[in-house]
Amino acid sequence: MAYESDIQWFPGHMTKTRRMIEANLKLVDAVVEIVDSRIPESSRNPVINELVASKPRIILLNKCDYSDEKITAKWREYYEKQGISVLVCDCRSGKGINKFLPLLKSKLSDLLEKRRAKGMIGKALRIMVVGIPNVGKSSFINRMANAKKVKVEDRPGVTRGKQWVTIDKEVELLDMPGILWPKFDDKSVALKLAFTGAIKDDVTDVEALAAELGSYLAENYPERLMERYKLENLDGNIVELIAKKRGMMMSGGVPDTERAAITLLDEYRSGKIGRITLEKPSA
């Protein structure tokens, strides 16, 4: 991936969020970390491990309806070998969400038993929910609460402040604002985040971004790319090929690559090209 845009997006509220996580960890019994199953490692904040290492943790591999099932299974195995419980789910559709509470109570069974032994029946489990922008935190909390308690938008960074959401008498969720890291040391990480929309399009070169995505899809998912856009071959710039095939032309017969680029990114993000994962776990 040769995309060279130097993306460094770190609004002031991200620093505040880190401090907020540190300050509120003592209030919770476990941490739920939501990641995008299309880019599980790239959509994890490196400081989360550092901040919450001492707490029981569950990783939600969200947006599973958009990711490659075989690779998602490998990611699940990868994290479980690290002692982290994993739930594969899609918070928009609700797929897999019914397994969350049983998994949580199994993860915290020792704590629940200690509370029972001390006669602390009825004390709610308090769970911190963390994740970078656009991974589906608000959708998860709304699903769990079965109500529109949290503002949900597809734009990065919408949830601004922490808020407690009561799920039932047994569980309370602490929703934290989305957090990114201050510098993308690995350009491929920034690229994958931009592909999925975790980084705003207005700080990227959309045509260059789409060209990189097209190259990745041509190499790793050629059949799905050709089927979606009815392409006879994948020789040349994928964005130009899509523009020509879809009749996206400007005056003088010039392909409208900007329009085609936006189309490719939108259709990848919405799952219209198929179930595609952009990274695999390391050995």
Protein backbone atom coordinates (compact mmCIF):
# COMPACT_ATOMS: atom_id res chain seq x y z
CA MET A 1 0.00 0.00 0.00
CA ALA A 2 1.79 3.09 -1.23
CA TYR A 3 -0.67 5.80 -0.26
CA GLU A 4 1.48 8.60 1.13
CA SER A 5 -0.98 11.05 2.67
CA ASP A 6 0.41 11.98 6.10
CA ILE A 7 -2.80 11.54 8.08
CA GLN A 8 -2.43 12.72 11.66
CA TRP A 9 -5.88 13.33 13.13
CA PHE A 10 -5.95 13.96 16.84
CA PRO A 11 -8.58 16.48 18.01
CA GLY A 12 -8.16 17.87 21.51
CA HIS A 13 -11.01 15.78 22.90
CA MET A 14 -9.01 12.61 22.17
CA THR A 15 -6.41 13.57 24.79
CA LYS A 16 -9.20 14.30 27.22
CA THR A 17 -10.68 10.86 26.53
CA ARG A 18 -7.46 9.11 27.48
CA ARG A 19 -7.42 10.91 30.81
CA MET A 20 -11.11 10.10 31.27
CA ILE A 21 -10.49 6.38 30.69
CA GLU A 22 -7.67 6.35 33.23
CA ALA A 23 -9.81 8.19 35.79
CA ASN A 24 -12.87 5.94 35.38
CA LEU A 25 -11.23 2.51 35.23
CA LYS A 26 -11.48 2.14 39.00
CA LEU A 27 -15.27 2.45 38.73
CA VAL A 28 -15.73 -0.54 36.39
CA ASP A 29 -15.44 -4.32 36.63
CA ALA A 30 -14.48 -5.02 33.01
CA VAL A 31 -13.80 -3.35 29.67
CA VAL A 32 -15.52 -4.04 26.37
CA GLU A 33 -13.37 -3.02 23.42
CA ILE A 34 -15.22 -2.73 20.12
CA VAL A 35 -13.23 -3.12 16.91
CA ASP A 36 -14.06 -3.28 13.21
CA SER A 37 -13.78 -6.93 12.14
CA ARG A 38 -12.58 -5.81 8.70
CA ILE A 39 -9.47 -4.27 10.32
CA PRO A 40 -9.32 -5.70 13.86
CA GLU A 41 -5.78 -4.65 14.71
CA SER A 42 -5.77 -1.33 12.88
CA SER A 43 -9.03 -0.34 14.60
CA ARG A 44 -7.62 -0.96 18.07
CA ASN A 45 -6.01 1.92 19.89
CA PRO A 46 -2.49 0.92 20.98
CA VAL A 47 -2.91 2.68 24.32
CA ILE A 48 -5.96 0.58 25.27
CA ASN A 49 -3.75 -2.41 26.18
CA GLU A 50 -1.61 -0.12 28.32
CA LEU A 51 -4.57 1.57 30.00
CA VAL A 52 -6.78 -1.43 30.77
CA ALA A 53 -4.28 -4.28 31.08
CA SER A 54 -5.39 -5.11 34.64
CA LYS A 55 -9.10 -5.36 33.83
CA PRO A 56 -11.02 -8.34 32.39
CA ARG A 57 -11.67 -7.60 28.75
CA ILE A 58 -13.99 -8.64 25.95
CA ILE A 59 -13.30 -7.73 22.32
CA LEU A 60 -16.32 -7.32 20.07
CA LEU A 61 -15.44 -8.09 16.45
CA ASN A 62 -18.17 -5.83 15.11
CA LYS A 63 -19.49 -5.40 11.56
CA CYS A 64 -19.05 -9.14 10.99
CA ASP A 65 -21.67 -9.00 8.21
CA TYR A 66 -19.12 -6.96 6.21
CA SER A 67 -16.00 -9.04 6.92
CA ASP A 68 -14.59 -12.28 5.53
CA GLU A 69 -15.94 -15.06 7.78
CA LYS A 70 -12.85 -17.28 7.50
CA ILE A 71 -10.48 -14.48 8.47
CA THR A 72 -12.77 -13.33 11.30
CA ALA A 73 -12.54 -16.85 12.76
CA LYS A 74 -8.73 -16.56 12.68
CA TRP A 75 -8.88 -13.22 14.48
CA ARG A 76 -11.11 -14.72 17.15
CA GLU A 77 -8.61 -17.51 17.76
CA TYR A 78 -5.74 -14.98 17.78
CA TYR A 79 -7.26 -12.86 20.58
CA GLU A 80 -8.52 -15.80 22.61
CA LYS A 81 -4.96 -17.15 22.74
CA GLN A 82 -4.07 -13.87 24.48
CA GLY A 83 -6.68 -14.54 27.17
CA ILE A 84 -9.16 -12.02 25.77
CA SER A 85 -12.77 -13.16 25.36
CA VAL A 86 -14.21 -12.48 21.89
CA LEU A 87 -17.71 -11.95 20.53
CA VAL A 88 -18.30 -11.86 16.77
CA CYS A 89 -21.28 -9.62 16.10
CA ASP A 90 -22.96 -7.00 13.96
CA CYS A 91 -24.43 -4.26 16.13
CA ARG A 92 -26.48 -2.72 13.31
CA SER A 93 -28.41 -5.91 12.57
CA GLY A 94 -28.17 -7.28 16.11
CA LYS A 95 -26.42 -10.47 15.00
CA GLY A 96 -24.64 -12.15 17.91
CA ILE A 97 -25.60 -9.48 20.46
CA ASN A 98 -27.77 -11.91 22.46
CA LYS A 99 -24.57 -13.78 23.39
CA PHE A 100 -22.98 -10.77 25.07
CA LEU A 101 -24.51 -10.94 28.56
CA PRO A 102 -23.86 -14.69 28.97
CA LEU A 103 -20.26 -14.15 27.84
CA LEU A 104 -19.84 -11.21 30.22
CA LYS A 105 -21.21 -13.13 33.22
CA SER A 106 -18.99 -16.10 32.37
CA LYS A 107 -15.97 -13.79 32.13
CA LEU A 108 -16.78 -12.27 35.54
CA SER A 109 -17.97 -15.48 37.20
CA ASP A 110 -15.28 -15.28 39.91
CA LEU A 111 -16.30 -11.71 40.80
CA LEU A 112 -19.98 -12.66 40.87
CA GLU A 113 -19.24 -15.62 43.15
CA LYS A 114 -17.26 -13.39 45.56
CA ARG A 115 -20.15 -10.94 45.68
CA ARG A 116 -22.62 -13.75 46.38
CA ALA A 117 -20.38 -15.02 49.18
CA LYS A 118 -20.38 -11.55 50.75
CA GLY A 119 -24.14 -11.19 50.37
CA MET A 120 -23.75 -8.48 47.72
CA ILE A 121 -26.67 -9.73 45.66
CA GLY A 122 -28.07 -7.29 43.12
CA LYS A 123 -25.02 -5.06 42.69
CA ALA A 124 -24.79 -4.24 38.99
CA LEU A 125 -21.74 -5.10 36.92
CA ARG A 126 -20.25 -1.87 35.60
CA ILE A 127 -18.64 -2.13 32.18
CA MET A 128 -16.61 0.46 30.29
CA VAL A 129 -17.14 0.49 26.52
CA VAL A 130 -14.21 1.79 24.46
CA GLY A 131 -13.29 1.99 20.80
CA ILE A 132 -12.09 4.34 18.09
CA PRO A 133 -14.65 6.43 16.17
CA ASN A 134 -17.04 4.65 13.82
CA VAL A 135 -16.53 1.10 15.11
CA GLY A 136 -20.12 0.89 16.37
CA LYS A 137 -20.03 1.72 20.09
CA SER A 138 -23.29 3.63 20.06
CA SER A 139 -25.01 0.97 17.96
CA PHE A 140 -23.89 -1.68 20.47
CA ILE A 141 -25.15 0.30 23.47
CA ASN A 142 -28.47 1.07 21.77
CA ARG A 143 -28.92 -2.63 20.98
CA MET A 144 -28.16 -3.59 24.57
CA ALA A 145 -30.43 -0.90 26.02
CA ASN A 146 -33.10 -1.57 23.38
CA ALA A 147 -33.61 2.18 23.07
CA LYS A 148 -32.15 5.21 21.32
CA LYS A 149 -30.23 6.41 24.35
CA VAL A 150 -27.04 7.29 22.49
CA LYS A 151 -26.72 9.48 19.41
CA VAL A 152 -25.61 7.30 16.49
CA GLU A 153 -23.94 8.74 13.40
CA ASP A 154 -21.57 7.33 10.82
CA ARG A 155 -19.29 10.34 11.11
CA PRO A 156 -16.17 9.82 13.24
CA GLY A 157 -16.05 11.37 16.69
CA VAL A 158 -19.75 12.06 17.37
CA THR A 159 -19.95 10.82 20.98
CA ARG A 160 -18.31 13.65 22.92
CA GLY A 161 -18.62 12.85 26.62
CA LYS A 162 -18.95 9.82 28.87
CA GLN A 163 -22.42 8.61 29.84
CA TRP A 164 -23.83 5.73 31.89
CA VAL A 165 -26.46 3.53 30.29
CA THR A 166 -28.42 1.03 32.40
CA ILE A 167 -29.01 -2.24 30.55
CA ASP A 168 -30.93 -4.01 33.32
CA LYS A 169 -30.61 -4.45 37.09
CA GLU A 170 -27.46 -6.49 36.56
CA VAL A 171 -25.41 -4.44 34.06
CA GLU A 172 -24.51 -0.78 33.53
CA LEU A 173 -22.43 0.41 30.59
CA LEU A 174 -20.11 3.41 30.67
CA ASP A 175 -19.88 4.79 27.14
CA MET A 176 -16.60 6.60 26.47
CA PRO A 177 -15.93 9.00 23.57
CA GLY A 178 -14.09 7.57 20.58
CA ILE A 179 -10.33 7.69 20.93
CA LEU A 180 -7.61 7.71 18.27
CA TRP A 181 -3.87 7.93 18.75
CA PRO A 182 -1.86 11.10 18.06
CA LYS A 183 0.39 9.77 15.30
CA PHE A 184 0.01 7.06 12.70
CA ASP A 185 3.51 5.58 12.73
CA ASP A 186 2.37 2.90 10.28
CA LYS A 187 0.96 4.42 7.08
CA SER A 188 -0.91 1.20 6.28
CA VAL A 189 -2.90 1.59 9.52
CA ALA A 190 -3.99 5.10 8.52
CA LEU A 191 -4.89 3.78 5.09
CA LYS A 192 -7.12 1.00 6.43
CA LEU A 193 -8.84 3.38 8.83
CA ALA A 194 -9.49 5.73 5.91
CA PHE A 195 -10.87 2.85 3.80
CA THR A 196 -13.48 2.04 6.45
CA GLY A 197 -14.38 5.68 7.17
CA ALA A 198 -12.87 5.90 10.66
CA ILE A 199 -10.86 8.86 9.35
CA LYS A 200 -12.84 11.64 7.73
CA ASP A 201 -12.71 11.74 3.93
CA ASP A 202 -12.12 15.48 4.01
CA VAL A 203 -8.59 14.95 5.37
CA THR A 204 -7.69 12.43 2.66
CA ASP A 205 -7.17 12.40 -1.10
CA VAL A 206 -10.29 10.45 -2.03
CA GLU A 207 -9.10 9.47 -5.51
CA ALA A 208 -5.72 8.24 -4.27
CA LEU A 209 -7.46 6.41 -1.43
CA ALA A 210 -9.89 4.67 -3.78
CA ALA A 211 -7.04 3.75 -6.13
CA GLU A 212 -5.27 2.01 -3.24
CA LEU A 213 -8.46 0.21 -2.22
CA GLY A 214 -9.02 -0.86 -5.82
CA SER A 215 -5.50 -2.28 -6.00
CA TYR A 216 -5.99 -4.23 -2.77
CA LEU A 217 -9.32 -5.65 -3.93
CA ALA A 218 -7.90 -6.56 -7.34
CA GLU A 219 -5.15 -8.54 -5.63
CA ASN A 220 -7.13 -10.15 -2.83
CA TYR A 221 -10.79 -10.24 -3.95
CA PRO A 222 -10.67 -10.01 -7.77
CA GLU A 223 -13.82 -12.05 -8.38
CA ARG A 224 -15.98 -9.85 -6.14
CA LEU A 225 -14.61 -6.68 -7.71
CA MET A 226 -15.22 -7.91 -11.25
CA GLU A 227 -18.70 -9.17 -10.38
CA ARG A 228 -19.80 -5.95 -8.68
CA TYR A 229 -18.66 -3.65 -11.48
CA LYS A 230 -19.11 -6.06 -14.41
CA LEU A 231 -15.44 -5.73 -15.38
CA GLU A 232 -13.95 -8.03 -18.00
CA ASN A 233 -10.44 -7.63 -16.56
CA LEU A 234 -8.58 -5.69 -13.88
CA ASP A 235 -5.80 -4.27 -16.03
CA GLY A 236 -5.10 -0.62 -15.28
CA ASN A 237 -6.45 1.88 -12.76
CA ILE A 238 -9.47 0.28 -11.09
CA VAL A 239 -11.16 3.62 -10.45
CA GLU A 240 -10.94 4.55 -14.14
CA LEU A 241 -12.30 1.14 -15.13
CA ILE A 242 -15.26 1.61 -12.80
CA ALA A 243 -15.92 5.11 -14.13
CA LYS A 244 -16.00 3.86 -17.73
CA LYS A 245 -18.14 0.82 -16.94
CA ARG A 246 -20.66 2.86 -14.95
CA GLY A 247 -20.81 5.60 -17.60
CA MET A 248 -19.29 8.19 -15.28
CA MET A 249 -17.85 10.44 -17.97
CA MET A 250 -17.15 14.16 -18.18
CA SER A 251 -17.08 16.34 -21.27
CA GLY A 252 -14.52 15.25 -23.83
CA GLY A 253 -14.91 11.60 -22.86
CA VAL A 254 -12.79 11.94 -19.71
CA PRO A 255 -13.60 9.44 -16.93
CA ASP A 256 -15.04 11.11 -13.82
CA THR A 257 -12.58 9.46 -11.43
CA GLU A 258 -13.67 11.48 -8.43
CA ARG A 259 -17.25 10.27 -8.73
CA ALA A 260 -16.06 6.69 -9.30
CA ALA A 261 -13.71 6.92 -6.31
CA ILE A 262 -16.54 8.01 -4.02
CA THR A 263 -18.69 5.17 -5.39
CA LEU A 264 -16.01 2.54 -4.74
CA LEU A 265 -15.41 3.72 -1.17
CA ASP A 266 -19.12 3.98 -0.39
CA GLU A 267 -19.90 0.54 -1.80
CA TYR A 268 -17.00 -1.06 0.06
CA ARG A 269 -18.06 0.53 3.35
CA SER A 270 -21.68 -0.54 2.92
CA GLY A 271 -20.75 -4.14 2.09
CA LYS A 272 -22.11 -4.01 -1.46
CA ILE A 273 -18.90 -5.43 -2.95
CA GLY A 274 -19.04 -8.38 -0.57
CA ARG A 275 -17.59 -9.57 2.75
CA ILE A 276 -14.04 -8.27 2.67
CA THR A 277 -11.34 -8.12 5.37
CA LEU A 278 -8.29 -5.90 4.93
CA GLU A 279 -5.83 -7.56 7.31
CA LYS A 280 -5.01 -10.98 8.75
CA PRO A 281 -3.60 -11.85 12.18
CA SER A 282 0.16 -12.27 12.40
CA ALA A 283 1.46 -15.78 12.94
